[in-house]
N, C-alpha and C. Protein backbone atom coordinates (compact mmCIF):
# COMPACT_ATOMS: atom_id res chain seq x y z
N MET A 1 21.97 -8.37 -40.52
CA MET A 1 20.65 -8.30 -41.16
C MET A 1 20.44 -6.90 -41.73
N SER A 2 20.06 -6.81 -42.99
CA SER A 2 19.87 -5.49 -43.62
C SER A 2 18.47 -4.97 -43.31
N ASN A 3 18.33 -3.65 -43.44
CA ASN A 3 17.06 -3.01 -43.12
C ASN A 3 15.94 -3.39 -44.09
N GLU A 4 16.30 -3.80 -45.31
CA GLU A 4 15.25 -4.16 -46.28
C GLU A 4 14.42 -5.35 -45.78
N THR A 5 15.08 -6.29 -45.11
CA THR A 5 14.37 -7.48 -44.66
C THR A 5 13.81 -7.34 -43.24
N SER A 6 14.01 -6.17 -42.64
CA SER A 6 13.56 -6.00 -41.25
C SER A 6 12.04 -6.06 -41.17
N THR A 7 11.59 -6.81 -40.21
CA THR A 7 10.14 -6.89 -40.00
C THR A 7 9.87 -6.53 -38.55
N LYS A 8 9.06 -5.51 -38.39
CA LYS A 8 8.70 -5.10 -37.03
C LYS A 8 7.42 -5.83 -36.65
N GLN A 9 7.38 -6.24 -35.41
CA GLN A 9 6.20 -6.90 -34.89
C GLN A 9 5.87 -6.28 -33.54
N TRP A 10 4.65 -6.53 -33.09
CA TRP A 10 4.21 -6.01 -31.79
C TRP A 10 4.42 -7.08 -30.73
N PHE A 11 4.99 -6.67 -29.62
CA PHE A 11 5.19 -7.57 -28.49
C PHE A 11 4.52 -6.97 -27.26
N VAL A 12 4.11 -7.85 -26.36
CA VAL A 12 3.48 -7.41 -25.13
C VAL A 12 4.51 -7.50 -24.02
N VAL A 13 4.68 -6.39 -23.30
CA VAL A 13 5.65 -6.33 -22.21
C VAL A 13 4.86 -6.20 -20.90
N HIS A 14 5.21 -7.04 -19.94
CA HIS A 14 4.55 -7.00 -18.63
C HIS A 14 5.31 -6.05 -17.73
N THR A 15 4.56 -5.16 -17.03
CA THR A 15 5.19 -4.16 -16.16
C THR A 15 4.55 -4.23 -14.78
N TYR A 16 5.16 -3.55 -13.84
CA TYR A 16 4.50 -3.37 -12.55
C TYR A 16 3.24 -2.58 -12.82
N SER A 17 2.14 -2.98 -12.22
CA SER A 17 0.89 -2.27 -12.43
C SER A 17 1.00 -0.85 -11.90
N GLY A 18 0.49 0.11 -12.68
CA GLY A 18 0.56 1.50 -12.27
C GLY A 18 1.78 2.22 -12.83
N PHE A 19 2.70 1.47 -13.44
CA PHE A 19 3.92 2.08 -13.98
C PHE A 19 3.95 2.01 -15.51
N GLU A 20 2.79 1.69 -16.13
CA GLU A 20 2.77 1.49 -17.58
C GLU A 20 3.28 2.72 -18.35
N ASN A 21 2.80 3.91 -17.98
CA ASN A 21 3.22 5.13 -18.71
C ASN A 21 4.69 5.43 -18.50
N LYS A 22 5.19 5.23 -17.27
CA LYS A 22 6.62 5.47 -16.98
C LYS A 22 7.48 4.49 -17.78
N VAL A 23 7.05 3.23 -17.83
CA VAL A 23 7.80 2.21 -18.57
C VAL A 23 7.81 2.55 -20.06
N ALA A 24 6.65 2.94 -20.61
CA ALA A 24 6.57 3.28 -22.04
C ALA A 24 7.53 4.44 -22.36
N ALA A 25 7.52 5.48 -21.51
CA ALA A 25 8.41 6.62 -21.73
C ALA A 25 9.87 6.20 -21.60
N ALA A 26 10.16 5.35 -20.63
CA ALA A 26 11.54 4.89 -20.42
C ALA A 26 12.04 4.08 -21.60
N ILE A 27 11.20 3.20 -22.16
CA ILE A 27 11.61 2.40 -23.32
C ILE A 27 11.92 3.32 -24.50
N GLU A 28 11.04 4.31 -24.74
CA GLU A 28 11.27 5.24 -25.85
C GLU A 28 12.56 6.04 -25.65
N GLN A 29 12.76 6.51 -24.42
CA GLN A 29 13.95 7.30 -24.10
C GLN A 29 15.22 6.46 -24.26
N ARG A 30 15.20 5.24 -23.75
CA ARG A 30 16.37 4.36 -23.83
C ARG A 30 16.67 3.99 -25.29
N ALA A 31 15.61 3.81 -26.09
CA ALA A 31 15.82 3.49 -27.52
C ALA A 31 16.57 4.64 -28.19
N LYS A 32 16.21 5.89 -27.84
CA LYS A 32 16.92 7.05 -28.41
C LYS A 32 18.37 7.08 -27.95
N ILE A 33 18.57 6.91 -26.64
CA ILE A 33 19.92 6.97 -26.07
C ILE A 33 20.84 5.93 -26.73
N PHE A 34 20.32 4.71 -26.94
CA PHE A 34 21.14 3.63 -27.51
C PHE A 34 21.07 3.58 -29.03
N GLY A 35 20.41 4.58 -29.64
CA GLY A 35 20.35 4.64 -31.10
C GLY A 35 19.55 3.50 -31.73
N LEU A 36 18.53 3.04 -31.00
CA LEU A 36 17.71 1.92 -31.51
C LEU A 36 16.31 2.35 -31.90
N GLN A 37 16.09 3.68 -32.09
CA GLN A 37 14.73 4.12 -32.41
C GLN A 37 14.26 3.64 -33.78
N ASP A 38 15.16 3.17 -34.64
CA ASP A 38 14.74 2.57 -35.92
C ASP A 38 14.18 1.17 -35.70
N GLN A 39 14.66 0.49 -34.65
CA GLN A 39 14.19 -0.87 -34.38
C GLN A 39 13.02 -0.91 -33.39
N ILE A 40 12.96 0.07 -32.49
CA ILE A 40 11.84 0.16 -31.54
C ILE A 40 11.06 1.40 -31.96
N THR A 41 9.98 1.18 -32.73
CA THR A 41 9.32 2.32 -33.37
C THR A 41 8.13 2.88 -32.60
N ARG A 42 7.36 2.03 -31.92
CA ARG A 42 6.20 2.56 -31.19
C ARG A 42 6.02 1.82 -29.87
N VAL A 43 5.64 2.59 -28.84
CA VAL A 43 5.34 2.01 -27.54
C VAL A 43 3.97 2.55 -27.14
N VAL A 44 3.04 1.66 -26.86
CA VAL A 44 1.65 2.05 -26.61
C VAL A 44 1.14 1.47 -25.30
N VAL A 45 0.52 2.33 -24.49
CA VAL A 45 -0.21 1.88 -23.30
C VAL A 45 -1.67 1.86 -23.72
N PRO A 46 -2.28 0.67 -23.84
CA PRO A 46 -3.69 0.61 -24.30
C PRO A 46 -4.64 1.22 -23.27
N VAL A 47 -5.24 2.37 -23.65
CA VAL A 47 -6.21 3.03 -22.78
C VAL A 47 -7.45 3.38 -23.57
N GLU A 48 -8.56 3.55 -22.86
CA GLU A 48 -9.78 4.03 -23.49
C GLU A 48 -10.33 5.14 -22.62
N GLU A 49 -11.06 6.05 -23.26
CA GLU A 49 -11.66 7.16 -22.53
C GLU A 49 -12.96 6.66 -21.90
N VAL A 50 -13.18 7.03 -20.64
CA VAL A 50 -14.42 6.67 -19.95
C VAL A 50 -15.06 7.92 -19.35
N VAL A 51 -16.38 7.88 -19.24
CA VAL A 51 -17.13 9.01 -18.69
C VAL A 51 -17.68 8.61 -17.33
N GLU A 52 -17.58 9.52 -16.37
CA GLU A 52 -18.21 9.30 -15.08
C GLU A 52 -18.64 10.65 -14.52
N VAL A 53 -19.54 10.61 -13.56
CA VAL A 53 -19.97 11.86 -12.93
C VAL A 53 -19.40 11.85 -11.52
N ARG A 54 -18.65 12.91 -11.19
CA ARG A 54 -18.11 13.06 -9.85
C ARG A 54 -18.49 14.43 -9.34
N LYS A 55 -19.12 14.46 -8.18
CA LYS A 55 -19.58 15.73 -7.57
C LYS A 55 -20.40 16.54 -8.56
N GLY A 56 -21.27 15.85 -9.29
CA GLY A 56 -22.18 16.53 -10.22
C GLY A 56 -21.53 16.96 -11.52
N GLN A 57 -20.25 16.69 -11.69
CA GLN A 57 -19.56 17.08 -12.93
C GLN A 57 -19.29 15.86 -13.78
N LYS A 58 -19.57 15.99 -15.08
CA LYS A 58 -19.27 14.91 -16.02
C LYS A 58 -17.77 14.97 -16.32
N ARG A 59 -17.06 13.89 -16.05
CA ARG A 59 -15.61 13.87 -16.25
C ARG A 59 -15.24 12.76 -17.22
N ILE A 60 -14.27 13.06 -18.07
CA ILE A 60 -13.74 12.05 -18.97
C ILE A 60 -12.33 11.74 -18.50
N SER A 61 -12.05 10.46 -18.32
CA SER A 61 -10.71 10.07 -17.90
C SER A 61 -10.25 8.87 -18.72
N SER A 62 -8.96 8.60 -18.65
CA SER A 62 -8.40 7.44 -19.36
C SER A 62 -8.38 6.26 -18.41
N GLN A 63 -8.70 5.11 -18.96
CA GLN A 63 -8.67 3.89 -18.16
C GLN A 63 -7.91 2.85 -18.97
N LYS A 64 -6.93 2.22 -18.35
CA LYS A 64 -6.15 1.18 -19.05
C LYS A 64 -7.04 -0.04 -19.23
N PHE A 65 -7.05 -0.61 -20.46
CA PHE A 65 -7.83 -1.83 -20.56
C PHE A 65 -6.99 -3.08 -20.49
N TYR A 66 -5.67 -2.94 -20.34
CA TYR A 66 -4.80 -4.07 -20.00
C TYR A 66 -3.81 -3.59 -18.94
N PRO A 67 -4.29 -3.37 -17.70
CA PRO A 67 -3.38 -2.86 -16.67
C PRO A 67 -2.19 -3.81 -16.52
N GLY A 68 -1.00 -3.21 -16.41
CA GLY A 68 0.21 -4.01 -16.23
C GLY A 68 0.87 -4.43 -17.54
N TYR A 69 0.34 -3.91 -18.68
CA TYR A 69 0.92 -4.30 -19.97
C TYR A 69 1.16 -3.09 -20.85
N VAL A 70 2.22 -3.17 -21.65
CA VAL A 70 2.58 -2.15 -22.62
C VAL A 70 2.84 -2.87 -23.94
N LEU A 71 2.40 -2.28 -25.06
CA LEU A 71 2.66 -2.87 -26.37
C LEU A 71 3.86 -2.16 -27.00
N VAL A 72 4.78 -2.94 -27.55
CA VAL A 72 5.98 -2.37 -28.17
C VAL A 72 6.09 -2.91 -29.59
N GLU A 73 6.16 -1.97 -30.55
CA GLU A 73 6.38 -2.36 -31.95
C GLU A 73 7.89 -2.28 -32.17
N MET A 74 8.48 -3.43 -32.50
CA MET A 74 9.93 -3.45 -32.63
C MET A 74 10.40 -4.60 -33.48
N GLU A 75 11.65 -4.47 -33.90
CA GLU A 75 12.33 -5.55 -34.57
C GLU A 75 13.02 -6.31 -33.45
N LEU A 76 12.76 -7.59 -33.34
CA LEU A 76 13.31 -8.36 -32.23
C LEU A 76 14.75 -8.76 -32.53
N THR A 77 15.68 -8.16 -31.80
CA THR A 77 17.10 -8.54 -31.88
C THR A 77 17.57 -8.72 -30.45
N ASP A 78 18.78 -9.22 -30.29
CA ASP A 78 19.32 -9.36 -28.92
C ASP A 78 19.39 -8.00 -28.24
N GLU A 79 19.77 -6.96 -29.01
CA GLU A 79 19.89 -5.61 -28.44
C GLU A 79 18.55 -5.06 -27.99
N THR A 80 17.52 -5.16 -28.88
CA THR A 80 16.22 -4.60 -28.52
C THR A 80 15.59 -5.39 -27.38
N TRP A 81 15.75 -6.72 -27.41
CA TRP A 81 15.22 -7.57 -26.35
C TRP A 81 15.83 -7.15 -25.01
N HIS A 82 17.17 -6.97 -25.01
CA HIS A 82 17.87 -6.62 -23.78
C HIS A 82 17.46 -5.22 -23.30
N LEU A 83 17.34 -4.27 -24.24
CA LEU A 83 16.96 -2.90 -23.86
C LEU A 83 15.60 -2.90 -23.15
N VAL A 84 14.61 -3.57 -23.75
CA VAL A 84 13.27 -3.59 -23.14
C VAL A 84 13.31 -4.36 -21.82
N ARG A 85 13.95 -5.52 -21.85
CA ARG A 85 13.98 -6.41 -20.68
C ARG A 85 14.64 -5.74 -19.48
N SER A 86 15.67 -4.89 -19.73
CA SER A 86 16.42 -4.28 -18.63
C SER A 86 15.86 -2.91 -18.22
N THR A 87 14.74 -2.50 -18.82
CA THR A 87 14.10 -1.24 -18.43
C THR A 87 13.51 -1.41 -17.02
N PRO A 88 13.76 -0.46 -16.13
CA PRO A 88 13.20 -0.58 -14.77
C PRO A 88 11.67 -0.74 -14.79
N LYS A 89 11.16 -1.57 -13.90
CA LYS A 89 9.73 -1.86 -13.71
C LYS A 89 9.16 -2.78 -14.80
N VAL A 90 10.01 -3.31 -15.70
CA VAL A 90 9.56 -4.31 -16.68
C VAL A 90 9.81 -5.67 -16.05
N THR A 91 8.78 -6.53 -16.04
CA THR A 91 8.97 -7.86 -15.47
C THR A 91 9.24 -8.88 -16.56
N GLY A 92 9.01 -8.53 -17.82
CA GLY A 92 9.35 -9.45 -18.91
C GLY A 92 8.41 -9.32 -20.08
N PHE A 93 8.72 -10.08 -21.12
CA PHE A 93 7.87 -10.15 -22.30
C PHE A 93 6.80 -11.20 -22.05
N VAL A 94 5.66 -11.06 -22.69
CA VAL A 94 4.64 -12.09 -22.60
C VAL A 94 4.91 -13.08 -23.73
N GLY A 95 4.94 -14.33 -23.39
CA GLY A 95 5.21 -15.38 -24.37
C GLY A 95 5.81 -16.57 -23.67
N SER A 96 5.78 -17.69 -24.35
CA SER A 96 6.30 -18.89 -23.69
C SER A 96 7.77 -19.08 -24.05
N GLY A 97 8.52 -19.62 -23.11
CA GLY A 97 9.92 -19.92 -23.37
C GLY A 97 10.80 -18.69 -23.39
N ALA A 98 11.96 -18.82 -24.01
CA ALA A 98 12.97 -17.76 -24.00
C ALA A 98 12.65 -16.64 -24.98
N ARG A 99 11.97 -16.95 -26.09
CA ARG A 99 11.68 -15.95 -27.12
C ARG A 99 10.28 -15.38 -26.92
N PRO A 100 10.15 -14.04 -26.93
CA PRO A 100 8.80 -13.46 -26.83
C PRO A 100 7.97 -13.82 -28.07
N VAL A 101 6.69 -13.95 -27.88
CA VAL A 101 5.79 -14.28 -28.99
C VAL A 101 5.11 -13.00 -29.46
N PRO A 102 5.23 -12.68 -30.76
CA PRO A 102 4.59 -11.45 -31.24
C PRO A 102 3.07 -11.57 -31.24
N LEU A 103 2.40 -10.43 -31.08
CA LEU A 103 0.93 -10.40 -31.16
C LEU A 103 0.52 -10.53 -32.61
N PRO A 104 -0.55 -11.26 -32.91
CA PRO A 104 -1.04 -11.31 -34.29
C PRO A 104 -1.48 -9.90 -34.73
N PRO A 105 -1.15 -9.51 -35.98
CA PRO A 105 -1.48 -8.15 -36.45
C PRO A 105 -2.95 -7.78 -36.26
N GLU A 106 -3.88 -8.72 -36.44
CA GLU A 106 -5.30 -8.39 -36.30
C GLU A 106 -5.65 -8.05 -34.85
N GLU A 107 -4.94 -8.65 -33.89
CA GLU A 107 -5.19 -8.32 -32.48
C GLU A 107 -4.72 -6.90 -32.18
N VAL A 108 -3.55 -6.54 -32.74
CA VAL A 108 -3.00 -5.19 -32.56
C VAL A 108 -3.96 -4.17 -33.17
N GLU A 109 -4.45 -4.45 -34.39
CA GLU A 109 -5.38 -3.55 -35.06
C GLU A 109 -6.63 -3.35 -34.22
N GLU A 110 -7.13 -4.43 -33.63
CA GLU A 110 -8.33 -4.36 -32.79
C GLU A 110 -8.09 -3.48 -31.56
N ILE A 111 -6.94 -3.63 -30.92
CA ILE A 111 -6.61 -2.82 -29.73
C ILE A 111 -6.51 -1.35 -30.12
N LEU A 112 -5.80 -1.05 -31.22
CA LEU A 112 -5.64 0.34 -31.65
C LEU A 112 -6.98 0.95 -32.06
N ARG A 113 -7.84 0.14 -32.71
CA ARG A 113 -9.17 0.61 -33.11
C ARG A 113 -10.00 0.91 -31.87
N GLN A 114 -9.91 0.04 -30.87
CA GLN A 114 -10.65 0.23 -29.62
C GLN A 114 -10.21 1.53 -28.94
N MET A 115 -8.90 1.84 -28.99
CA MET A 115 -8.40 3.08 -28.40
C MET A 115 -8.95 4.30 -29.13
N GLU A 116 -8.96 4.23 -30.48
CA GLU A 116 -9.48 5.34 -31.29
C GLU A 116 -10.96 5.57 -31.03
N GLU A 117 -11.72 4.48 -31.01
CA GLU A 117 -13.17 4.57 -30.76
C GLU A 117 -13.44 5.21 -29.41
N GLY A 118 -12.67 4.79 -28.39
CA GLY A 118 -12.84 5.32 -27.04
C GLY A 118 -12.55 6.81 -26.98
N ALA A 119 -11.58 7.26 -27.79
CA ALA A 119 -11.24 8.68 -27.81
C ALA A 119 -12.37 9.48 -28.46
N GLU A 120 -13.01 8.89 -29.49
CA GLU A 120 -14.11 9.59 -30.18
C GLU A 120 -15.39 9.58 -29.36
N LYS A 121 -15.71 8.43 -28.77
CA LYS A 121 -16.95 8.31 -28.00
C LYS A 121 -16.63 7.57 -26.70
N PRO A 122 -16.34 8.34 -25.64
CA PRO A 122 -15.97 7.71 -24.38
C PRO A 122 -17.05 6.77 -23.86
N LYS A 123 -16.61 5.66 -23.28
CA LYS A 123 -17.52 4.67 -22.73
C LYS A 123 -17.89 5.06 -21.30
N PRO A 124 -19.06 4.63 -20.85
CA PRO A 124 -19.41 4.86 -19.44
C PRO A 124 -18.47 4.04 -18.56
N LYS A 125 -18.04 4.62 -17.44
CA LYS A 125 -17.12 3.91 -16.56
C LYS A 125 -17.82 2.76 -15.84
N ALA A 126 -19.05 3.01 -15.41
CA ALA A 126 -19.77 1.99 -14.64
C ALA A 126 -20.34 0.93 -15.57
N VAL A 127 -20.39 -0.29 -15.07
CA VAL A 127 -20.99 -1.39 -15.82
C VAL A 127 -22.23 -1.81 -15.05
N PHE A 128 -23.36 -1.83 -15.74
CA PHE A 128 -24.62 -2.15 -15.09
C PHE A 128 -25.20 -3.44 -15.64
N SER A 129 -26.13 -4.01 -14.88
CA SER A 129 -26.86 -5.20 -15.31
C SER A 129 -28.35 -4.94 -15.15
N ARG A 130 -29.14 -5.67 -15.95
CA ARG A 130 -30.59 -5.59 -15.84
C ARG A 130 -30.97 -6.00 -14.41
N GLY A 131 -31.86 -5.23 -13.79
CA GLY A 131 -32.30 -5.54 -12.43
C GLY A 131 -31.52 -4.81 -11.34
N ASP A 132 -30.41 -4.13 -11.71
CA ASP A 132 -29.65 -3.35 -10.72
C ASP A 132 -30.50 -2.21 -10.18
N LYS A 133 -30.40 -1.96 -8.88
CA LYS A 133 -31.05 -0.81 -8.26
C LYS A 133 -30.11 0.38 -8.40
N VAL A 134 -30.65 1.51 -8.88
CA VAL A 134 -29.83 2.70 -9.10
C VAL A 134 -30.51 3.95 -8.56
N ARG A 135 -29.68 4.98 -8.31
CA ARG A 135 -30.18 6.29 -7.93
C ARG A 135 -29.80 7.24 -9.06
N VAL A 136 -30.73 8.10 -9.44
CA VAL A 136 -30.45 9.10 -10.47
C VAL A 136 -29.66 10.23 -9.81
N ILE A 137 -28.49 10.57 -10.41
CA ILE A 137 -27.63 11.59 -9.79
C ILE A 137 -27.53 12.86 -10.62
N GLU A 138 -28.20 12.88 -11.78
CA GLU A 138 -28.17 14.08 -12.61
C GLU A 138 -29.42 14.12 -13.49
N GLY A 139 -29.87 15.32 -13.80
CA GLY A 139 -31.03 15.48 -14.68
C GLY A 139 -32.31 15.74 -13.91
N PRO A 140 -33.44 15.76 -14.61
CA PRO A 140 -34.71 16.12 -13.98
C PRO A 140 -35.19 15.10 -12.94
N PHE A 141 -34.69 13.88 -12.97
CA PHE A 141 -35.15 12.86 -12.01
C PHE A 141 -34.14 12.64 -10.89
N VAL A 142 -33.28 13.65 -10.64
CA VAL A 142 -32.23 13.52 -9.63
C VAL A 142 -32.83 13.08 -8.28
N ASN A 143 -32.13 12.18 -7.60
CA ASN A 143 -32.50 11.58 -6.31
C ASN A 143 -33.62 10.54 -6.39
N PHE A 144 -34.19 10.31 -7.56
CA PHE A 144 -35.16 9.22 -7.70
C PHE A 144 -34.36 7.91 -7.74
N THR A 145 -35.00 6.83 -7.26
CA THR A 145 -34.36 5.53 -7.36
C THR A 145 -35.21 4.65 -8.26
N GLY A 146 -34.58 3.65 -8.83
CA GLY A 146 -35.31 2.76 -9.71
C GLY A 146 -34.51 1.51 -10.02
N THR A 147 -35.05 0.72 -10.92
CA THR A 147 -34.43 -0.55 -11.31
C THR A 147 -34.16 -0.51 -12.81
N ILE A 148 -32.97 -1.00 -13.19
CA ILE A 148 -32.63 -1.02 -14.62
C ILE A 148 -33.46 -2.08 -15.33
N GLU A 149 -34.20 -1.62 -16.34
CA GLU A 149 -35.07 -2.47 -17.13
C GLU A 149 -34.34 -2.95 -18.39
N ASP A 150 -33.57 -2.04 -19.01
CA ASP A 150 -32.91 -2.35 -20.27
C ASP A 150 -31.66 -1.49 -20.41
N MET A 151 -30.70 -1.96 -21.22
CA MET A 151 -29.45 -1.22 -21.42
C MET A 151 -29.09 -1.18 -22.90
N ASN A 152 -28.46 -0.08 -23.29
CA ASN A 152 -27.93 0.03 -24.64
C ASN A 152 -26.48 0.55 -24.51
N PRO A 153 -25.52 -0.40 -24.28
CA PRO A 153 -24.13 0.02 -24.02
C PRO A 153 -23.51 0.81 -25.18
N GLU A 154 -23.90 0.48 -26.41
CA GLU A 154 -23.34 1.19 -27.58
C GLU A 154 -23.68 2.69 -27.52
N ARG A 155 -24.90 3.00 -27.10
CA ARG A 155 -25.32 4.40 -27.00
C ARG A 155 -25.08 4.98 -25.61
N GLY A 156 -24.71 4.11 -24.65
CA GLY A 156 -24.46 4.58 -23.29
C GLY A 156 -25.74 5.00 -22.59
N ARG A 157 -26.85 4.30 -22.91
CA ARG A 157 -28.15 4.68 -22.33
C ARG A 157 -28.76 3.49 -21.60
N LEU A 158 -29.61 3.83 -20.62
CA LEU A 158 -30.32 2.84 -19.81
C LEU A 158 -31.80 3.18 -19.78
N LYS A 159 -32.64 2.15 -19.66
CA LYS A 159 -34.05 2.40 -19.36
C LYS A 159 -34.22 1.99 -17.90
N VAL A 160 -34.62 2.97 -17.07
CA VAL A 160 -34.77 2.74 -15.63
C VAL A 160 -36.24 2.92 -15.28
N MET A 161 -36.78 1.95 -14.53
CA MET A 161 -38.16 2.05 -14.05
C MET A 161 -38.13 2.82 -12.74
N VAL A 162 -38.70 4.04 -12.78
CA VAL A 162 -38.68 4.95 -11.64
C VAL A 162 -40.10 5.08 -11.09
N GLY A 163 -40.22 5.08 -9.76
CA GLY A 163 -41.52 5.29 -9.14
C GLY A 163 -41.90 6.76 -9.23
N LEU A 164 -42.93 7.06 -10.03
CA LEU A 164 -43.32 8.45 -10.26
C LEU A 164 -44.84 8.54 -10.06
N LEU A 165 -45.27 9.37 -9.14
CA LEU A 165 -46.69 9.54 -8.83
C LEU A 165 -47.38 8.19 -8.56
N GLY A 166 -46.69 7.37 -7.77
CA GLY A 166 -47.28 6.11 -7.34
C GLY A 166 -47.28 5.00 -8.38
N ARG A 167 -46.66 5.21 -9.53
CA ARG A 167 -46.59 4.11 -10.52
C ARG A 167 -45.20 4.07 -11.13
N LEU A 168 -44.80 2.88 -11.62
CA LEU A 168 -43.49 2.72 -12.25
C LEU A 168 -43.52 3.30 -13.65
N THR A 169 -42.59 4.17 -13.95
CA THR A 169 -42.51 4.84 -15.24
C THR A 169 -41.12 4.60 -15.84
N PRO A 170 -41.06 4.18 -17.12
CA PRO A 170 -39.75 3.99 -17.74
C PRO A 170 -39.12 5.35 -18.07
N VAL A 171 -37.86 5.54 -17.67
CA VAL A 171 -37.15 6.78 -17.94
C VAL A 171 -35.85 6.41 -18.66
N GLU A 172 -35.58 7.07 -19.78
CA GLU A 172 -34.34 6.83 -20.51
C GLU A 172 -33.26 7.77 -19.98
N LEU A 173 -32.13 7.19 -19.56
CA LEU A 173 -31.05 7.98 -18.96
C LEU A 173 -29.69 7.57 -19.55
N GLU A 174 -28.73 8.50 -19.46
CA GLU A 174 -27.34 8.19 -19.83
C GLU A 174 -26.73 7.39 -18.67
N TYR A 175 -25.74 6.56 -18.97
CA TYR A 175 -25.07 5.77 -17.93
C TYR A 175 -24.55 6.68 -16.80
N TYR A 176 -23.96 7.81 -17.19
CA TYR A 176 -23.32 8.67 -16.18
C TYR A 176 -24.36 9.40 -15.31
N GLN A 177 -25.65 9.29 -15.62
CA GLN A 177 -26.67 9.99 -14.82
C GLN A 177 -27.15 9.16 -13.64
N VAL A 178 -26.64 7.92 -13.51
CA VAL A 178 -27.08 7.07 -12.40
C VAL A 178 -25.88 6.48 -11.68
N GLU A 179 -26.14 6.07 -10.43
CA GLU A 179 -25.12 5.32 -9.69
C GLU A 179 -25.79 4.10 -9.07
N ARG A 180 -25.03 3.03 -8.94
CA ARG A 180 -25.58 1.79 -8.38
C ARG A 180 -25.79 1.98 -6.88
N LEU A 181 -26.89 1.43 -6.38
CA LEU A 181 -27.16 1.50 -4.93
C LEU A 181 -26.53 0.32 -4.23
C-alpha cells in the first residue's frame, strides 16, 4: 500500500486503569523504535482541567474523562495493530470482532475540543444538584451553610441560600468555594 492512499483513523485502546499515560508514552516510544511513527501519528489520553479547593488553596488538576482508554491516530495495518496490542498494560482495541472499529471523526473532534475548552476554562471538580446542603469554604461567607437554589455549570457558579441574620439570603458563589455536607 502506498503512502498516497494511506488513511489514518482514530482508534480507542483499552488499558489498565491508572496506566493511561504510561501506555500512551510506551506506544509512542515503540512506534519510534520500530520505525512506525509515520503510521502511528498521535496518541492522546483524554483529560480535562478541573478546579478544586484543597486546604484553602484553589488547585487545578487534570482529570481523565475516559479512565482506562487511550486514543490512537494510526493507519491500521497488521504491524501497527500488533505494536499497539502487544504494548504492556493494553487490554485491547475497542470494537467488535477481530478488527478494531475506528471512532467517527466528529466524535474525535468533540473529544479534542472538550480537552481544549477544559484547558482554557477549567471545570469545577465537584458536581452539585439543586437542594444539596453545602458549607462555604472560601470567601466572605466562609463556614456558613446553606442549600443550593440554582446552578450555572457553564460559568461555574451557584446560588446558595444562606442563613444570614435570621433570614435566608441568596449568595452567588463559585463551585470551588463550597463543599457538599
